[in-house]
C-alpha atoms as a PDB file:
ATOM      1  CA  MET A   1     161.674  46.223 295.359  1.00  0.00           C
ATOM      2  CA  LEU A   2     158.229  44.845 294.676  1.00  0.00           C
ATOM      3  CA  ILE A   3     157.845  46.619 291.379  1.00  0.00           C
ATOM      4  CA  LYS A   4     159.753  45.046 288.498  1.00  0.00           C
ATOM      5  CA  LYS A   5     161.521  47.340 286.074  1.00  0.00           C
ATOM      6  CA  PRO A   6     160.640  46.929 282.386  1.00  0.00           C
ATOM      7  CA  GLU A   7     164.115  45.576 281.636  1.00  0.00           C
ATOM      8  CA  ASP A   8     163.496  42.769 284.158  1.00  0.00           C
ATOM      9  CA  ILE A   9     160.624  41.335 282.093  1.00  0.00           C
ATOM     10  CA  LYS A  10     161.520  38.172 280.225  1.00  0.00           C
ATOM     11  CA  SER A  11     160.545  38.116 276.572  1.00  0.00           C
ATOM     12  CA  SER A  12     158.655  34.896 277.280  1.00  0.00           C
ATOM     13  CA  GLU A  13     156.390  36.797 279.679  1.00  0.00           C
ATOM     14  CA  ILE A  14     155.239  39.307 277.091  1.00  0.00           C
ATOM     15  CA  THR A  15     152.000  38.498 275.310  1.00  0.00           C
ATOM     16  CA  ASP A  16     152.053  39.007 271.571  1.00  0.00           C
ATOM     17  CA  LYS A  17     149.648  41.803 270.623  1.00  0.00           C
ATOM     18  CA  LYS A  18     147.749  39.722 268.041  1.00  0.00           C
ATOM     19  CA  LEU A  19     147.401  36.860 270.511  1.00  0.00           C
ATOM     20  CA  TYR A  20     146.208  39.235 273.222  1.00  0.00           C
ATOM     21  CA  LEU A  21     143.606  40.864 271.006  1.00  0.00           C
ATOM     22  CA  SER A  22     142.199  37.520 269.915  1.00  0.00           C
ATOM     23  CA  ARG A  23     142.236  35.817 273.304  1.00  0.00           C
ATOM     24  CA  ARG A  24     138.873  35.164 274.890  1.00  0.00           C
ATOM     25  CA  LEU A  25     139.245  34.957 278.651  1.00  0.00           C
ATOM     26  CA  PHE A  26     135.583  34.207 279.358  1.00  0.00           C
ATOM     27  CA  ILE A  27     132.490  33.549 277.226  1.00  0.00           C
ATOM     28  CA  ARG A  28     130.303  36.643 277.413  1.00  0.00           C
ATOM     29  CA  GLY A  29     127.049  35.756 279.084  1.00  0.00           C
ATOM     30  CA  ALA A  30     123.698  37.455 279.192  1.00  0.00           C
ATOM     31  CA  VAL A  31     123.095  39.480 282.309  1.00  0.00           C
ATOM     32  CA  LEU A  32     120.488  37.650 284.332  1.00  0.00           C
ATOM     33  CA  ALA A  33     117.403  39.487 285.482  1.00  0.00           C
ATOM     34  CA  GLY A  34     116.921  40.721 289.022  1.00  0.00           C
ATOM     35  CA  SER A  35     119.682  39.535 291.362  1.00  0.00           C
ATOM     36  CA  THR A  36     122.481  38.912 288.886  1.00  0.00           C
ATOM     37  CA  VAL A  37     125.752  40.797 288.609  1.00  0.00           C
ATOM     38  CA  ALA A  38     128.365  40.722 285.890  1.00  0.00           C
ATOM     39  CA  THR A  39     131.775  39.262 286.531  1.00  0.00           C
ATOM     40  CA  GLY A  40     134.856  39.640 284.407  1.00  0.00           C
ATOM     41  CA  LEU A  41     138.554  39.032 284.402  1.00  0.00           C
ATOM     42  CA  VAL A  42     140.533  42.239 284.333  1.00  0.00           C
ATOM     43  CA  TYR A  43     143.196  41.887 281.693  1.00  0.00           C
ATOM     44  CA  ARG A  44     145.513  44.468 280.138  1.00  0.00           C
ATOM     45  CA  HIS A  45     148.184  44.372 277.440  1.00  0.00           C
ATOM     46  CA  PHE A  46     151.693  45.763 277.805  1.00  0.00           C
ATOM     47  CA  THR A  47     154.365  46.106 275.191  1.00  0.00           C
ATOM     48  CA  SER A  48     157.915  44.810 275.513  1.00  0.00           C
ATOM     49  CA  HIS A  49     158.847  48.183 277.005  1.00  0.00           C
ATOM     50  CA  GLY A  50     156.437  47.713 279.906  1.00  0.00           C
ATOM     51  CA  GLU A  51     154.110  50.438 278.642  1.00  0.00           C
ATOM     52  CA  GLU A  52     150.565  50.359 279.937  1.00  0.00           C
ATOM     53  CA  ALA A  53     147.564  50.001 277.662  1.00  0.00           C
ATOM     54  CA  GLN A  54     145.209  52.945 277.378  1.00  0.00           C
ATOM     55  CA  ALA A  55     143.217  53.616 280.541  1.00  0.00           C
ATOM     56  CA  GLY A  56     139.573  52.702 280.061  1.00  0.00           C
ATOM     57  CA  GLU A  57     140.335  49.614 277.982  1.00  0.00           C
ATOM     58  CA  LYS A  58     137.340  47.289 278.050  1.00  0.00           C
ATOM     59  CA  ILE A  59     137.464  44.199 280.200  1.00  0.00           C
ATOM     60  CA  ALA A  60     137.621  41.521 277.552  1.00  0.00           C
ATOM     61  CA  ASP A  61     134.675  39.381 278.552  1.00  0.00           C
ATOM     62  CA  VAL A  62     131.892  39.274 281.109  1.00  0.00           C
ATOM     63  CA  GLN A  63     130.241  36.188 282.525  1.00  0.00           C
ATOM     64  CA  ALA A  64     126.943  36.135 284.397  1.00  0.00           C
ATOM     65  CA  ALA A  65     127.055  34.790 287.954  1.00  0.00           C
ATOM     66  CA  PRO A  66     124.922  34.836 291.096  1.00  0.00           C
ATOM     67  CA  PRO A  67     125.667  37.860 293.283  1.00  0.00           C
ATOM     68  CA  ALA A  68     127.419  37.666 296.625  1.00  0.00           C
ATOM     69  CA  ILE A  69     125.894  41.014 297.616  1.00  0.00           C
ATOM     70  CA  ALA A  70     122.479  42.458 296.770  1.00  0.00           C
ATOM     71  CA  THR A  71     122.490  44.922 293.875  1.00  0.00           C
ATOM     72  CA  LEU A  72     122.263  48.611 294.783  1.00  0.00           C
ATOM     73  CA  ASN A  73     119.291  50.144 292.993  1.00  0.00           C
ATOM     74  CA  GLU A  74     120.563  53.701 292.618  1.00  0.00           C
ATOM     75  CA  SER A  75     121.636  55.647 289.551  1.00  0.00           C
ATOM     76  CA  LYS A  76     125.325  55.175 288.856  1.00  0.00           C
ATOM     77  CA  THR A  77     127.598  58.178 288.687  1.00  0.00           C
ATOM     78  CA  SER A  78     128.873  58.767 285.160  1.00  0.00           C
ATOM     79  CA  TYR A  79     132.182  57.274 284.069  1.00  0.00           C
ATOM     80  CA  GLU A  80     133.380  60.790 283.226  1.00  0.00           C
ATOM     81  CA  ASP A  81     132.753  62.069 286.757  1.00  0.00           C
ATOM     82  CA  ILE A  82     134.185  58.984 288.455  1.00  0.00           C
ATOM     83  CA  THR A  83     137.395  59.222 286.438  1.00  0.00           C
ATOM     84  CA  HIS A  84     137.842  63.011 286.470  1.00  0.00           C
ATOM     85  CA  TYR A  85     136.989  63.980 290.051  1.00  0.00           C
ATOM     86  CA  ASN A  86     139.575  62.142 292.113  1.00  0.00           C
ATOM     87  CA  ASN A  87     141.394  62.212 295.417  1.00  0.00           C
ATOM     88  CA  PHE A  88     144.871  60.820 294.763  1.00  0.00           C
ATOM     89  CA  TYR A  89     147.287  63.060 296.644  1.00  0.00           C
ATOM     90  CA  GLU A  90     150.382  61.335 295.280  1.00  0.00           C
ATOM     91  CA  PHE A  91     149.593  63.110 292.007  1.00  0.00           C
ATOM     92  CA  SER A  92     147.767  66.285 293.024  1.00  0.00           C
ATOM     93  CA  THR A  93     145.534  67.831 295.678  1.00  0.00           C
ATOM     94  CA  ASP A  94     143.385  69.243 292.855  1.00  0.00           C
ATOM     95  CA  LYS A  95     140.671  66.652 292.192  1.00  0.00           C
ATOM     96  CA  GLN A  96     140.234  67.763 288.600  1.00  0.00           C
ATOM     97  CA  ALA A  97     143.978  67.635 287.856  1.00  0.00           C
ATOM     98  CA  VAL A  98     144.687  64.058 288.946  1.00  0.00           C
ATOM     99  CA  ALA A  99     143.569  62.353 285.720  1.00  0.00           C
ATOM    100  CA  GLN A 100     145.891  64.438 283.570  1.00  0.00           C
ATOM    101  CA  LYS A 101     148.868  64.080 285.903  1.00  0.00           C
ATOM    102  CA  ALA A 102     148.388  60.320 286.210  1.00  0.00           C
ATOM    103  CA  LYS A 103     147.853  59.545 282.521  1.00  0.00           C
ATOM    104  CA  ASN A 104     151.347  58.083 282.012  1.00  0.00           C
ATOM    105  CA  TYR A 105     151.378  56.119 285.270  1.00  0.00           C
ATOM    106  CA  ILE A 106     152.802  52.631 284.629  1.00  0.00           C
ATOM    107  CA  THR A 107     151.005  49.922 286.582  1.00  0.00           C
ATOM    108  CA  ARG A 108     152.370  46.781 284.943  1.00  0.00           C
ATOM    109  CA  PRO A 109     154.350  44.756 285.815  1.00  0.00           C
ATOM    110  CA  TRP A 110     153.135  44.860 289.430  1.00  0.00           C
ATOM    111  CA  THR A 111     153.418  42.671 292.501  1.00  0.00           C
ATOM    112  CA  VAL A 112     151.701  42.703 295.884  1.00  0.00           C
ATOM    113  CA  SER A 113     153.415  41.253 298.957  1.00  0.00           C
ATOM    114  CA  VAL A 114     151.140  39.666 301.577  1.00  0.00           C
ATOM    115  CA  GLU A 115     153.111  39.071 304.760  1.00  0.00           C
ATOM    116  CA  GLY A 116     153.250  39.380 308.533  1.00  0.00           C
ATOM    117  CA  LEU A 117     151.226  37.098 310.813  1.00  0.00           C
ATOM    118  CA  VAL A 118     150.321  34.569 308.125  1.00  0.00           C
ATOM    119  CA  ASN A 119     151.239  30.933 307.650  1.00  0.00           C
ATOM    120  CA  LYS A 120     151.835  31.256 303.919  1.00  0.00           C
ATOM    121  CA  PRO A 121     153.381  34.657 303.073  1.00  0.00           C
ATOM    122  CA  ARG A 122     153.548  35.265 299.373  1.00  0.00           C
ATOM    123  CA  VAL A 123     154.366  37.842 296.721  1.00  0.00           C
ATOM    124  CA  PHE A 124     151.590  37.819 294.125  1.00  0.00           C
ATOM    125  CA  ASP A 125     151.976  38.949 290.547  1.00  0.00           C
ATOM    126  CA  ILE A 126     148.933  41.075 289.765  1.00  0.00           C
ATOM    127  CA  ASP A 127     147.638  38.682 287.107  1.00  0.00           C
ATOM    128  CA  ASP A 128     147.918  35.685 289.448  1.00  0.00           C
ATOM    129  CA  LEU A 129     146.240  37.671 292.194  1.00  0.00           C
ATOM    130  CA  LEU A 130     143.283  38.461 289.944  1.00  0.00           C
ATOM    131  CA  LYS A 131     142.740  34.735 289.365  1.00  0.00           C
ATOM    132  CA  ILE A 132     142.079  34.040 293.051  1.00  0.00           C
ATOM    133  CA  SER A 133     138.372  34.755 292.714  1.00  0.00           C
ATOM    134  CA  PRO A 134     136.337  35.694 289.623  1.00  0.00           C
ATOM    135  CA  PRO A 135     135.926  39.495 289.728  1.00  0.00           C
ATOM    136  CA  GLU A 136     132.360  40.700 290.150  1.00  0.00           C
ATOM    137  CA  GLU A 137     130.698  44.012 289.467  1.00  0.00           C
ATOM    138  CA  ARG A 138     129.747  45.562 292.816  1.00  0.00           C
ATOM    139  CA  VAL A 139     127.738  48.785 292.634  1.00  0.00           C
ATOM    140  CA  TYR A 140     128.624  50.619 295.853  1.00  0.00           C
ATOM    141  CA  ARG A 141     128.000  54.027 297.324  1.00  0.00           C
ATOM    142  CA  HIS A 142     131.197  56.017 297.763  1.00  0.00           C
ATOM    143  CA  ARG A 143     131.121  58.692 300.470  1.00  0.00           C
ATOM    144  CA  CYS A 144     133.952  61.197 300.801  1.00  0.00           C
ATOM    145  CA  VAL A 145     134.723  62.850 304.129  1.00  0.00           C
ATOM    146  CA  GLU A 146     134.444  66.175 302.277  1.00  0.00           C
ATOM    147  CA  ALA A 147     130.667  65.559 302.097  1.00  0.00           C
ATOM    148  CA  TRP A 148     130.332  64.507 298.462  1.00  0.00           C
ATOM    149  CA  SER A 149     129.366  61.095 297.182  1.00  0.00           C
ATOM    150  CA  MET A 150     129.145  58.873 294.110  1.00  0.00           C
ATOM    151  CA  VAL A 151     127.677  55.510 293.135  1.00  0.00           C
ATOM    152  CA  ILE A 152     130.439  53.466 291.515  1.00  0.00           C
ATOM    153  CA  PRO A 153     130.215  50.098 289.720  1.00  0.00           C
ATOM    154  CA  TRP A 154     133.486  48.580 290.887  1.00  0.00           C
ATOM    155  CA  VAL A 155     134.880  45.361 289.466  1.00  0.00           C
ATOM    156  CA  GLY A 156     136.700  43.371 292.117  1.00  0.00           C
ATOM    157  CA  PHE A 157     136.804  40.377 294.420  1.00  0.00           C
ATOM    158  CA  PRO A 158     136.477  39.947 298.202  1.00  0.00           C
ATOM    159  CA  LEU A 159     139.642  40.754 300.138  1.00  0.00           C
ATOM    160  CA  GLY A 160     138.826  37.764 302.329  1.00  0.00           C
ATOM    161  CA  LYS A 161     139.511  35.445 299.380  1.00  0.00           C
ATOM    162  CA  LEU A 162     143.082  36.744 299.228  1.00  0.00           C
ATOM    163  CA  LEU A 163     143.576  36.493 302.991  1.00  0.00           C
ATOM    164  CA  ASP A 164     142.365  32.889 302.883  1.00  0.00           C
ATOM    165  CA  GLN A 165     145.244  32.138 300.525  1.00  0.00           C
ATOM    166  CA  VAL A 166     147.862  33.196 303.081  1.00  0.00           C
ATOM    167  CA  GLN A 167     146.146  31.715 306.171  1.00  0.00           C
ATOM    168  CA  PRO A 168     146.157  34.368 308.929  1.00  0.00           C
ATOM    169  CA  MET A 169     147.611  33.261 312.264  1.00  0.00           C
ATOM    170  CA  SER A 170     145.497  33.401 315.405  1.00  0.00           C
ATOM    171  CA  GLN A 171     147.528  36.404 316.646  1.00  0.00           C
ATOM    172  CA  ALA A 172     146.525  38.505 313.618  1.00  0.00           C
ATOM    173  CA  LYS A 173     143.996  41.192 314.591  1.00  0.00           C
ATOM    174  CA  TYR A 174     144.511  43.892 311.947  1.00  0.00           C
ATOM    175  CA  VAL A 175     145.401  44.238 308.276  1.00  0.00           C
ATOM    176  CA  ALA A 176     147.831  47.002 307.242  1.00  0.00           C
ATOM    177  CA  PHE A 177     148.082  48.292 303.675  1.00  0.00           C
ATOM    178  CA  GLU A 178     150.796  50.271 301.896  1.00  0.00           C
ATOM    179  CA  SER A 179     150.698  52.174 298.586  1.00  0.00           C
ATOM    180  CA  LEU A 180     153.405  52.725 296.041  1.00  0.00           C
ATOM    181  CA  ALA A 181     155.317  55.965 296.594  1.00  0.00           C
ATOM    182  CA  ASP A 182     157.305  56.644 293.429  1.00  0.00           C
ATOM    183  CA  PRO A 183     158.552  60.237 293.079  1.00  0.00           C
ATOM    184  CA  LYS A 184     159.468  59.573 289.444  1.00  0.00           C
ATOM    185  CA  GLN A 185     155.830  58.984 288.556  1.00  0.00           C
ATOM    186  CA  MET A 186     153.997  60.701 291.406  1.00  0.00           C
ATOM    187  CA  PRO A 187     154.961  64.379 291.647  1.00  0.00           C
ATOM    188  CA  ASN A 188     153.415  65.032 295.071  1.00  0.00           C
ATOM    189  CA  VAL A 189     155.456  62.308 296.745  1.00  0.00           C
ATOM    190  CA  LYS A 190     158.266  64.870 296.674  1.00  0.00           C
ATOM    191  CA  SER A 191     156.131  67.179 298.833  1.00  0.00           C
ATOM    192  CA  ASP A 192     155.368  67.054 302.547  1.00  0.00           C
ATOM    193  CA  ILE A 193     151.609  67.380 302.077  1.00  0.00           C
ATOM    194  CA  LEU A 194     151.299  63.926 303.687  1.00  0.00           C
ATOM    195  CA  GLN A 195     153.667  61.364 305.157  1.00  0.00           C
ATOM    196  CA  TRP A 196     154.634  58.877 302.422  1.00  0.00           C
ATOM    197  CA  PRO A 197     154.043  56.115 301.589  1.00  0.00           C
ATOM    198  CA  TYR A 198     150.272  56.227 302.076  1.00  0.00           C
ATOM    199  CA  VAL A 199     149.219  53.595 304.616  1.00  0.00           C
ATOM    200  CA  GLU A 200     145.859  52.321 305.803  1.00  0.00           C
ATOM    201  CA  GLY A 201     144.429  49.644 308.051  1.00  0.00           C
ATOM    202  CA  LEU A 202     141.367  47.600 308.929  1.00  0.00           C
ATOM    203  CA  ARG A 203     140.451  45.296 311.746  1.00  0.00           C
ATOM    204  CA  LEU A 204     140.684  41.695 310.538  1.00  0.00           C
ATOM    205  CA  ASP A 205     136.931  41.115 310.796  1.00  0.00           C
ATOM    206  CA  GLU A 206     136.319  44.260 308.696  1.00  0.00           C
ATOM    207  CA  ALA A 207     138.803  43.012 306.105  1.00  0.00           C
ATOM    208  CA  MET A 208     137.118  39.600 305.958  1.00  0.00           C
ATOM    209  CA  HIS A 209     133.613  41.045 305.592  1.00  0.00           C
ATOM    210  CA  PRO A 210     132.135  40.124 302.169  1.00  0.00           C
ATOM    211  CA  LEU A 211     131.431  43.793 301.348  1.00  0.00           C
ATOM    212  CA  THR A 212     135.173  44.566 301.467  1.00  0.00           C
ATOM    213  CA  ILE A 213     136.772  44.125 298.057  1.00  0.00           C
ATOM    214  CA  LEU A 214     139.975  44.683 296.151  1.00  0.00           C
ATOM    215  CA  ALA A 215     138.936  46.562 293.015  1.00  0.00           C
ATOM    216  CA  SER A 216     140.759  46.221 289.723  1.00  0.00           C
ATOM    217  CA  GLY A 217     138.202  47.882 287.470  1.00  0.00           C
ATOM    218  CA  LEU A 218     135.063  49.967 287.177  1.00  0.00           C
ATOM    219  CA  TYR A 219     132.255  50.118 284.614  1.00  0.00           C
ATOM    220  CA  ASP A 220     133.548  46.798 283.198  1.00  0.00           C
ATOM    221  CA  GLU A 221     136.842  48.479 282.308  1.00  0.00           C
ATOM    222  CA  THR A 222     140.278  48.188 283.834  1.00  0.00           C
ATOM    223  CA  LEU A 223     140.895  50.577 286.709  1.00  0.00           C
ATOM    224  CA  PRO A 224     142.217  53.909 285.397  1.00  0.00           C
ATOM    225  CA  PRO A 225     145.422  55.264 286.953  1.00  0.00           C
ATOM    226  CA  GLN A 226     143.614  58.177 288.614  1.00  0.00           C
ATOM    227  CA  ASN A 227     141.275  55.762 290.404  1.00  0.00           C
ATOM    228  CA  GLY A 228     144.046  53.724 292.003  1.00  0.00           C
ATOM    229  CA  ALA A 229     145.295  51.257 289.397  1.00  0.00           C
ATOM    230  CA  PRO A 230     146.051  48.476 289.340  1.00  0.00           C
ATOM    231  CA  LEU A 231     144.469  47.528 292.674  1.00  0.00           C
ATOM    232  CA  LYS A 232     142.652  49.511 295.350  1.00  0.00           C
ATOM    233  CA  LEU A 233     140.759  48.741 298.524  1.00  0.00           C
ATOM    234  CA  VAL A 234     137.003  49.421 298.645  1.00  0.00           C
ATOM    235  CA  VAL A 235     135.212  49.444 302.017  1.00  0.00           C
ATOM    236  CA  PRO A 236     131.819  50.965 301.179  1.00  0.00           C
ATOM    237  CA  TRP A 237     130.611  51.756 304.703  1.00  0.00           C
ATOM    238  CA  LYS A 238     133.697  53.881 305.418  1.00  0.00           C
ATOM    239  CA  TYR A 239     134.811  57.272 304.118  1.00  0.00           C
ATOM    240  CA  GLY A 240     136.638  57.167 300.817  1.00  0.00           C
ATOM    241  CA  PHE A 241     140.117  57.883 302.159  1.00  0.00           C
ATOM    242  CA  LYS A 242     140.101  54.370 303.664  1.00  0.00           C
ATOM    243  CA  GLY A 243     140.183  53.064 300.074  1.00  0.00           C
ATOM    244  CA  ILE A 244     143.947  52.968 299.685  1.00  0.00           C
ATOM    245  CA  LYS A 245     145.134  52.954 296.053  1.00  0.00           C
ATOM    246  CA  SER A 246     147.963  51.304 294.115  1.00  0.00           C
ATOM    247  CA  ILE A 247     148.568  48.712 296.827  1.00  0.00           C
ATOM    248  CA  ILE A 248     151.994  47.064 296.956  1.00  0.00           C
ATOM    249  CA  ARG A 249     152.004  45.529 300.453  1.00  0.00           C
ATOM    250  CA  ILE A 250     149.446  43.917 302.768  1.00  0.00           C
ATOM    251  CA  LYS A 251     150.616  42.918 306.239  1.00  0.00           C
ATOM    252  CA  LEU A 252     148.705  41.158 308.995  1.00  0.00           C
ATOM    253  CA  VAL A 253     149.608  42.474 312.443  1.00  0.00           C
ATOM    254  CA  ASP A 254     148.497  42.189 316.073  1.00  0.00           C
ATOM    255  CA  ASP A 255     148.277  45.924 316.899  1.00  0.00           C
ATOM    256  CA  GLU A 256     146.265  48.729 315.303  1.00  0.00           C
ATOM    257  CA  PRO A 257     148.415  49.959 312.420  1.00  0.00           C
ATOM    258  CA  PRO A 258     149.116  53.650 311.671  1.00  0.00           C
ATOM    259  CA  THR A 259     147.002  55.251 308.946  1.00  0.00           C
ATOM    260  CA  THR A 260     147.989  58.238 306.845  1.00  0.00           C
ATOM    261  CA  TRP A 261     145.108  60.602 307.574  1.00  0.00           C
ATOM    262  CA  ASN A 262     145.054  59.752 311.267  1.00  0.00           C
ATOM    263  CA  ILE A 263     148.753  60.659 311.386  1.00  0.00           C
ATOM    264  CA  ALA A 264     148.070  63.903 309.522  1.00  0.00           C
ATOM    265  CA  GLY A 265     145.047  64.969 311.594  1.00  0.00           C
ATOM    266  CA  PRO A 266     144.138  62.720 314.536  1.00  0.00           C
ATOM    267  CA  ARG A 267     141.314  65.039 315.644  1.00  0.00           C
ATOM    268  CA  GLU A 268     139.725  64.893 312.209  1.00  0.00           C
ATOM    269  CA  TYR A 269     140.351  61.357 310.948  1.00  0.00           C
ATOM    270  CA  GLY A 270     139.920  58.363 313.234  1.00  0.00           C
ATOM    271  CA  PHE A 271     141.117  54.835 312.589  1.00  0.00           C
ATOM    272  CA  TYR A 272     137.633  53.428 311.954  1.00  0.00           C
ATOM    273  CA  SER A 273     136.306  56.265 309.784  1.00  0.00           C
ATOM    274  CA  ASN A 274     132.851  54.738 309.487  1.00  0.00           C
ATOM    275  CA  VAL A 275     130.296  56.976 307.808  1.00  0.00           C
ATOM    276  CA  ASN A 276     128.336  58.414 310.746  1.00  0.00           C
ATOM    277  CA  PRO A 277     126.158  61.495 310.143  1.00  0.00           C
ATOM    278  CA  ASN A 278     126.049  62.078 313.904  1.00  0.00           C
ATOM    279  CA  VAL A 279     129.795  62.761 314.093  1.00  0.00           C
ATOM    280  CA  ASP A 280     130.749  65.998 312.378  1.00  0.00           C
ATOM    281  CA  HIS A 281     134.136  66.698 310.933  1.00  0.00           C
ATOM    282  CA  PRO A 282     135.623  69.540 313.021  1.00  0.00           C
ATOM    283  CA  ARG A 283     135.329  71.867 310.025  1.00  0.00           C
ATOM    284  CA  TRP A 284     132.001  70.821 308.462  1.00  0.00           C
ATOM    285  CA  SER A 285     128.838  68.798 309.006  1.00  0.00           C
ATOM    286  CA  GLN A 286     128.537  65.202 307.845  1.00  0.00           C
ATOM    287  CA  LYS A 287     124.735  65.144 308.111  1.00  0.00           C
ATOM    288  CA  THR A 288     124.192  65.757 304.390  1.00  0.00           C
ATOM    289  CA  GLU A 289     126.125  65.105 301.198  1.00  0.00           C
ATOM    290  CA  ARG A 290     126.260  66.276 297.604  1.00  0.00           C
ATOM    291  CA  ARG A 291     125.907  63.455 295.090  1.00  0.00           C
ATOM    292  CA  ILE A 292     128.150  64.240 292.151  1.00  0.00           C
ATOM    293  CA  GLY A 293     126.001  64.827 289.055  1.00  0.00           C
ATOM    294  CA  GLU A 294     122.924  65.871 291.055  1.00  0.00           C
ATOM    295  CA  PHE A 295     121.557  69.198 292.269  1.00  0.00           C
ATOM    296  CA  GLY A 296     120.970  69.871 295.946  1.00  0.00           C
ATOM    297  CA  ARG A 297     121.954  67.691 298.878  1.00  0.00           C
ATOM    298  CA  ARG A 298     120.724  64.470 300.413  1.00  0.00           C
ATOM    299  CA  ASP A 299     120.818  63.058 303.942  1.00  0.00           C
ATOM    300  CA  THR A 300     123.879  61.019 304.826  1.00  0.00           C
ATOM    301  CA  LEU A 301     123.029  57.419 305.740  1.00  0.00           C
ATOM    302  CA  MET A 302     124.469  55.651 308.759  1.00  0.00           C
ATOM    303  CA  PHE A 303     127.313  53.394 307.661  1.00  0.00           C
ATOM    304  CA  ASN A 304     126.728  54.887 304.197  1.00  0.00           C
ATOM    305  CA  GLY A 305     123.531  52.836 303.924  1.00  0.00           C
ATOM    306  CA  TYR A 306     125.148  49.505 304.806  1.00  0.00           C
ATOM    307  CA  ALA A 307     124.085  49.373 308.486  1.00  0.00           C
ATOM    308  CA  ASP A 308     122.093  46.159 308.054  1.00  0.00           C
ATOM    309  CA  GLN A 309     125.218  44.364 306.860  1.00  0.00           C
ATOM    310  CA  VAL A 310     127.946  45.856 309.078  1.00  0.00           C
ATOM    311  CA  ALA A 311     126.502  47.393 312.266  1.00  0.00           C
ATOM    312  CA  GLN A 312     127.070  44.136 314.151  1.00  0.00           C
ATOM    313  CA  LEU A 313     130.832  44.607 313.725  1.00  0.00           C
ATOM    314  CA  TYR A 314     130.681  47.515 316.153  1.00  0.00           C
ATOM    315  CA  GLY A 315     128.281  46.226 318.790  1.00  0.00           C
ATOM    316  CA  GLY A 316     128.931  47.845 322.167  1.00  0.00           C
ATOM    317  CA  MET A 317     131.392  50.408 320.757  1.00  0.00           C
ATOM    318  CA  ASP A 318     131.032  54.155 321.282  1.00  0.00           C
ATOM    319  CA  LEU A 319     130.874  55.276 317.668  1.00  0.00           C
ATOM    320  CA  LYS A 320     131.608  58.899 318.614  1.00  0.00           C
ATOM    321  CA  LYS A 321     134.780  57.868 320.414  1.00  0.00           C
ATOM    322  CA  TYR A 322     135.833  55.275 317.840  1.00  0.00           C
ATOM    323  CA  TYR A 323     135.117  57.467 314.840  1.00  0.00           C
END
């Protein structure tokens, strides 16, 4: 098992509460004007019983740093909406019920196995994984296939930084992801609404693109359970269901890996799942979207507005065939 049980935690690994509360992980810096984004180390406290700290706990400190990606100048969706309108089918198919059903979800201790066609396979403890690259705030559009959208200030680091650690082999062409499927914590895993565990995949060049991140927080707070704690994939030019949550395994492979929604409905959900307003879902149009927190609808942007950065990945491809 990749997930340690609370009784497996050594007493030496448990941070004393007073020490935790007084520890300064980074010196808080002023946010620089214009092209500066905040970065912060995501850090949470757990008791000797492995209980998770309250969701929404503030990231301890934020340090100013030059941005890797240009800042998105759009109004952010409210924290309340982001954390209470969720697709997380392991808990519920009701978007407004997920937060309540996930409130006791235990996400520490946690490990992520990175394996397959790599020279240095490794099992990362979540805290060690988060030290690979200083997390940055990335304000990204989030577009759901159900034609609603948000603007979310994720806190995360480029997936490519993690893949560099394990050194992909030349045969590796795709990256496969797997979520936790724990029927004791996730009531819908007992159902047949989807095939469990939830799996996803990217082409290796998509995974290495600097826009692709592993998110461990949002709004400078640790990632709430209902948003995919402790670690989720964010690929902003693709529909939201590509953002697999609660990742426990990453595997580099040479063939296109299976993905949950493509298995469930191959006519409706393709492997690439790039936001393309010219390709309708069989049951509704994708030409417009409803931004959560706004009235009316807005036009859907090609590649969710990230065409300048990612269109070259798909040069020569039929984007209606490879949807």
